[in-house]
């Protein structure tokens, strides 16, 4: 008898989780504006610019924990996509939705960590369209030097 009850309760639990997953998926679809036709993939790298020259030199270590943001300046949308934080290698990949595969202008920038100042161009403008999203991605570099 206990095996039947165990099976019955397990089936109910699986059913509840399945329904919850379906509801979460539907909410995600509605809140994110439906299925995105195209997306642009970017890659950024941050490093500790020891000599402050704005160039990546041998021996300069990566800088982790830096938040990279992307704005859609053409459509006046701020911080689109998911938050992107650099990993232990100072690298981050981001995926930016492009509704209707429309032409757009992105602006990529790094939030300067406390105790540092940026040594490279603070904001990088990227013009991408549907066909441009098919081009191999570029790497966008952000260097920082300690204020100490």
Protein backbone atom coordinates (compact mmCIF):
# COMPACT_ATOMS: atom_id res chain seq x y z
CA UNK A 1 0.00 0.00 0.00
CA UNK A 2 2.84 2.43 0.79
CA UNK A 3 4.31 1.94 -2.72
CA UNK A 4 1.00 3.04 -4.27
CA UNK A 5 0.86 6.15 -2.05
CA UNK A 6 4.51 6.89 -2.83
CA UNK A 7 3.84 6.57 -6.58
CA UNK A 8 0.71 8.71 -6.33
CA UNK A 9 2.48 11.50 -4.40
CA UNK A 10 5.44 11.39 -6.78
CA UNK A 11 3.10 11.75 -9.76
CA UNK A 12 1.39 14.74 -8.14
CA UNK A 13 4.76 16.38 -7.45
CA UNK A 14 5.93 15.89 -11.05
CA UNK A 15 2.63 17.31 -12.33
CA UNK A 16 2.95 20.40 -10.12
CA UNK A 17 6.53 21.05 -11.31
CA UNK A 18 5.49 20.60 -14.95
CA UNK A 19 2.63 23.09 -14.58
CA UNK A 20 4.93 25.57 -12.80
CA UNK A 21 7.46 25.29 -15.64
CA UNK A 22 4.76 25.92 -18.23
CA UNK A 23 3.52 28.99 -16.33
CA UNK A 24 7.06 30.34 -15.92
CA UNK A 25 7.75 29.83 -19.65
CA UNK A 26 4.53 31.61 -20.62
CA UNK A 27 5.30 34.54 -18.30
CA UNK A 28 8.84 34.78 -19.64
CA UNK A 29 7.52 34.83 -23.21
CA UNK A 30 4.97 37.57 -22.43
CA UNK A 31 7.30 39.75 -20.35
CA UNK A 32 10.22 39.56 -22.80
CA UNK A 33 8.01 40.58 -25.73
CA UNK A 34 7.72 37.26 -27.50
CA UNK A 35 10.27 35.45 -29.60
CA UNK A 36 13.17 37.58 -30.80
CA UNK A 37 13.84 37.26 -34.51
CA UNK A 38 17.52 38.16 -34.39
CA UNK A 39 20.22 38.83 -31.87
CA UNK A 40 23.66 40.39 -31.81
CA UNK A 41 26.44 38.64 -29.94
CA UNK A 42 29.23 40.66 -28.41
CA UNK A 43 32.42 39.95 -26.51
CA UNK A 44 34.25 42.30 -24.13
CA UNK A 45 37.49 42.03 -22.23
CA UNK A 46 38.65 44.08 -19.23
CA UNK A 47 42.14 44.26 -17.83
CA UNK A 48 44.29 46.08 -15.31
CA UNK A 49 46.20 48.59 -17.43
CA UNK A 50 49.27 48.76 -15.18
CA UNK A 51 51.10 51.44 -17.20
CA UNK A 52 47.91 53.35 -18.08
CA UNK A 53 48.60 53.49 -21.82
CA UNK A 54 45.20 52.12 -22.91
CA UNK A 55 46.82 49.11 -24.64
CA UNK A 56 46.88 45.49 -23.55
CA UNK A 57 50.54 44.72 -22.82
CA UNK A 58 52.19 41.45 -21.83
CA UNK A 59 51.89 40.77 -18.13
CA UNK A 60 48.85 43.00 -17.53
CA UNK A 61 46.30 40.87 -15.65
CA UNK A 62 42.59 40.56 -16.43
CA UNK A 63 40.10 42.44 -14.26
CA UNK A 64 37.12 40.40 -13.11
CA UNK A 65 33.77 41.53 -11.74
CA UNK A 66 33.31 44.49 -14.11
CA UNK A 67 29.75 45.07 -15.33
CA UNK A 68 29.44 45.63 -19.07
CA UNK A 69 26.28 47.32 -20.32
CA UNK A 70 24.77 47.76 -23.77
CA UNK A 71 22.40 50.59 -24.72
CA UNK A 72 20.32 50.77 -27.90
CA UNK A 73 20.96 54.46 -28.63
CA UNK A 74 18.94 54.47 -31.85
CA UNK A 75 15.77 53.43 -30.02
CA UNK A 76 16.73 55.18 -26.75
CA UNK A 77 16.74 51.96 -24.71
CA UNK A 78 19.09 51.77 -21.74
CA UNK A 79 20.88 48.63 -20.54
CA UNK A 80 19.27 46.10 -22.88
CA UNK A 81 19.97 42.39 -22.59
CA UNK A 82 21.03 40.55 -19.46
CA UNK A 83 23.55 42.04 -17.03
CA UNK A 84 27.02 40.98 -18.14
CA UNK A 85 29.80 40.65 -15.54
CA UNK A 86 33.38 39.81 -16.52
CA UNK A 87 34.67 36.44 -15.33
CA UNK A 88 38.04 35.63 -13.70
CA UNK A 89 39.70 36.05 -17.13
CA UNK A 90 38.20 39.53 -17.54
CA UNK A 91 35.97 38.26 -20.34
CA UNK A 92 32.24 38.43 -20.95
CA UNK A 93 29.95 37.37 -23.77
CA UNK A 94 26.60 39.05 -24.21
CA UNK A 95 23.57 38.41 -26.35
CA UNK A 96 21.46 41.42 -27.38
CA UNK A 97 17.98 40.94 -28.88
CA UNK A 98 17.16 42.75 -32.13
CA UNK A 99 13.37 42.83 -32.52
CA UNK A 100 12.26 42.46 -36.14
CA UNK A 101 15.93 42.21 -37.20
CA UNK A 102 15.97 45.99 -37.50
CA UNK A 103 19.05 48.14 -37.97
CA UNK A 104 20.21 49.61 -34.71
CA UNK A 105 23.10 51.40 -33.03
CA UNK A 106 24.49 49.93 -29.82
CA UNK A 107 26.71 51.61 -27.29
CA UNK A 108 28.87 49.37 -25.11
CA UNK A 109 30.38 50.64 -21.87
CA UNK A 110 31.92 49.34 -18.68
CA UNK A 111 30.86 50.51 -15.24
CA UNK A 112 34.10 51.69 -13.65
CA UNK A 113 34.83 49.68 -10.51
CA UNK A 114 35.40 51.59 -7.29
CA UNK A 115 39.07 52.53 -6.85
CA UNK A 116 39.85 52.47 -10.57
CA UNK A 117 39.68 54.84 -13.53
CA UNK A 118 39.23 53.86 -17.16
CA UNK A 119 42.18 54.22 -19.58
CA UNK A 120 40.39 53.37 -22.83
CA UNK A 121 37.46 54.90 -24.67
CA UNK A 122 34.64 54.79 -22.10
CA UNK A 123 31.83 54.16 -24.63
CA UNK A 124 32.09 52.25 -27.89
CA UNK A 125 29.45 52.74 -30.59
CA UNK A 126 28.59 49.69 -32.67
CA UNK A 127 26.41 49.86 -35.78
CA UNK A 128 24.81 46.50 -36.39
CA UNK A 129 22.06 45.31 -38.65
CA UNK A 130 20.74 41.88 -39.50
CA UNK A 131 23.62 41.10 -41.85
CA UNK A 132 26.14 42.68 -39.51
CA UNK A 133 25.08 40.27 -36.80
CA UNK A 134 26.36 37.46 -39.04
CA UNK A 135 29.90 38.91 -39.10
CA UNK A 136 32.27 37.29 -36.58
CA UNK A 137 32.07 39.24 -33.36
CA UNK A 138 34.63 41.84 -32.42
CA UNK A 139 36.26 42.12 -29.03
CA UNK A 140 35.68 45.39 -27.16
CA UNK A 141 38.44 46.26 -24.70
CA UNK A 142 38.18 48.27 -21.49
CA UNK A 143 41.32 49.01 -19.50
CA UNK A 144 41.45 50.25 -15.92
CA UNK A 145 44.23 51.58 -13.72
CA UNK A 146 44.17 51.67 -9.93
CA UNK A 147 43.75 55.14 -8.42
CA UNK A 148 46.19 54.27 -5.62
